[in-house]
Amino acid sequence: MRITHYLGVVSGEAILGANVFKDFFAGVRDIVGGRSAAYEQQLREAKQIAFQEMSYWAGSYGANGVIGVDLDYETIGASMLMVSTSGTAVYYVPIDAQPAPPTGPAPAPGAGTGTGPAPSPPA
């Protein structure tokens, strides 16, 4: 693989609220030990949403890959979870192929950085 174009930083975020009953039972499970399946499932879902959003923005730049991906988990308040991803959108070709420029539109300032409205989920 040979990167022919570096197209900019892209990111994706997902913020999910936790259910009060799940919180209570997760707390009980934490006290007695064990894993909280409810929270693990929410983490997986949030991670998937964040990656889909980042991929959407990369595609809008004309990228066919994202490199240097960073994945962060944060809690917001008492019962909200945020997962964020970021990376560099790139266009790459096989080593023996001739480079072709991306065909997507040039990114708008601030696009893909989480500062604008969230895109529609990919189909």
Protein backbone atom coordinates (compact mmCIF):
# COMPACT_ATOMS: atom_id res chain seq x y z
CA MET A 1 0.00 0.00 0.00
CA ARG A 2 1.23 3.48 -0.86
CA ILE A 3 -0.47 6.61 0.44
CA THR A 4 -0.81 9.17 -2.33
CA HIS A 5 -2.91 11.83 -0.57
CA TYR A 6 -3.30 12.94 3.03
CA LEU A 7 -6.76 14.53 3.15
CA GLY A 8 -7.09 15.83 6.70
CA VAL A 9 -8.18 14.86 10.18
CA VAL A 10 -11.58 13.22 10.58
CA SER A 11 -13.44 12.32 13.74
CA GLY A 12 -16.55 10.63 15.03
CA GLU A 13 -18.36 10.83 18.33
CA ALA A 14 -21.12 8.94 20.08
CA ILE A 15 -22.77 9.93 23.35
CA LEU A 16 -25.12 7.45 24.95
CA GLY A 17 -27.14 7.72 28.13
CA ALA A 18 -27.30 4.77 30.49
CA ASN A 19 -30.56 3.42 31.88
CA VAL A 20 -31.21 3.96 35.61
CA PHE A 21 -32.03 0.28 36.19
CA LYS A 22 -28.95 -0.86 34.27
CA ASP A 23 -26.89 1.57 36.39
CA PHE A 24 -28.32 0.12 39.61
CA PHE A 25 -27.71 -3.50 38.64
CA ALA A 26 -24.27 -2.69 37.22
CA GLY A 27 -23.43 -1.09 40.58
CA VAL A 28 -24.56 -4.22 42.42
CA ARG A 29 -22.50 -6.36 40.06
CA ASP A 30 -19.47 -4.10 40.65
CA ILE A 31 -19.84 -4.60 44.41
CA VAL A 32 -20.11 -8.39 44.22
CA GLY A 33 -17.69 -8.71 41.28
CA GLY A 34 -18.19 -9.71 37.68
CA ARG A 35 -18.64 -7.95 34.40
CA SER A 36 -21.50 -5.67 33.45
CA ALA A 37 -22.89 -7.03 30.18
CA ALA A 38 -25.20 -4.00 29.83
CA TYR A 39 -22.31 -1.52 29.89
CA GLU A 40 -20.13 -3.70 27.67
CA GLN A 41 -22.89 -3.76 25.04
CA GLN A 42 -23.30 0.03 25.26
CA LEU A 43 -19.55 0.50 24.80
CA ARG A 44 -19.58 -1.71 21.69
CA GLU A 45 -22.52 0.22 20.23
CA ALA A 46 -20.97 3.62 20.94
CA LYS A 47 -17.66 2.53 19.45
CA GLN A 48 -19.39 1.30 16.28
CA ILE A 49 -21.29 4.59 15.90
CA ALA A 50 -18.12 6.66 16.37
CA PHE A 51 -16.23 4.61 13.77
CA GLN A 52 -19.13 4.83 11.29
CA GLU A 53 -19.26 8.61 11.66
CA MET A 54 -15.47 8.91 11.19
CA SER A 55 -15.66 6.68 8.09
CA TYR A 56 -18.50 8.78 6.71
CA TRP A 57 -16.40 11.96 7.00
CA ALA A 58 -13.36 10.25 5.47
CA GLY A 59 -15.47 9.13 2.50
CA SER A 60 -16.80 12.65 2.05
CA TYR A 61 -13.17 13.78 1.62
CA GLY A 62 -12.62 11.16 -1.11
CA ALA A 63 -10.54 8.94 1.18
CA ASN A 64 -10.39 5.18 0.99
CA GLY A 65 -8.69 4.74 4.36
CA VAL A 66 -8.01 6.27 7.77
CA ILE A 67 -4.65 5.98 9.52
CA GLY A 68 -3.38 6.86 12.99
CA VAL A 69 -6.75 6.18 14.61
CA ASP A 70 -7.22 7.23 18.24
CA LEU A 71 -10.10 5.86 20.31
CA ASP A 72 -11.11 7.54 23.58
CA TYR A 73 -13.76 6.72 26.18
CA GLU A 74 -15.10 9.33 28.62
CA THR A 75 -17.95 9.57 31.10
CA ILE A 76 -20.12 12.66 31.11
CA GLY A 77 -22.01 13.34 34.30
CA ALA A 78 -23.34 10.41 36.27
CA SER A 79 -24.84 8.31 33.50
CA MET A 80 -23.58 9.30 30.05
CA LEU A 81 -20.82 7.72 28.03
CA MET A 82 -18.88 9.34 25.18
CA VAL A 83 -16.73 7.48 22.69
CA SER A 84 -14.65 9.52 20.26
CA THR A 85 -12.44 8.50 17.38
CA SER A 86 -10.07 10.52 15.22
CA GLY A 87 -7.57 9.79 12.50
CA THR A 88 -6.11 11.04 9.23
CA ALA A 89 -8.13 10.44 6.06
CA VAL A 90 -5.92 9.12 3.25
CA TYR A 91 -6.14 7.91 -0.32
CA TYR A 92 -3.97 4.88 -1.00
CA VAL A 93 -3.13 2.61 -3.92
CA PRO A 94 -1.36 -0.74 -4.19
CA ILE A 95 2.41 -0.28 -4.44
CA ASP A 96 2.50 -1.21 -8.14
CA ALA A 97 -0.48 1.00 -9.14
CA GLN A 98 -0.40 4.52 -10.55
CA PRO A 99 -1.75 7.17 -8.15
CA ALA A 100 -5.19 8.59 -8.88
CA PRO A 101 -6.46 11.67 -7.11
CA PRO A 102 -9.53 11.38 -4.89
CA THR A 103 -12.78 12.31 -6.59
CA GLY A 104 -14.66 13.68 -3.58
CA PRO A 105 -15.26 17.38 -3.00
CA ALA A 106 -12.71 19.40 -1.07
CA PRO A 107 -13.57 19.38 2.63
CA ALA A 108 -15.16 22.50 4.07
CA PRO A 109 -13.31 24.18 6.93
CA GLY A 110 -14.16 22.36 10.15
CA ALA A 111 -15.82 19.45 8.32
CA GLY A 112 -15.22 16.08 9.91
CA THR A 113 -13.82 17.58 13.08
CA GLY A 114 -16.95 17.21 15.15
CA THR A 115 -17.71 20.93 14.98
CA GLY A 116 -20.57 20.66 12.51
CA PRO A 117 -23.83 18.74 12.53
CA ALA A 118 -23.55 14.98 12.75
CA PRO A 119 -23.94 13.25 9.38
CA SER A 120 -26.72 10.83 8.62
CA PRO A 121 -25.71 7.28 9.53
CA PRO A 122 -24.26 5.29 6.64
CA ALA A 123 -26.76 2.95 4.99
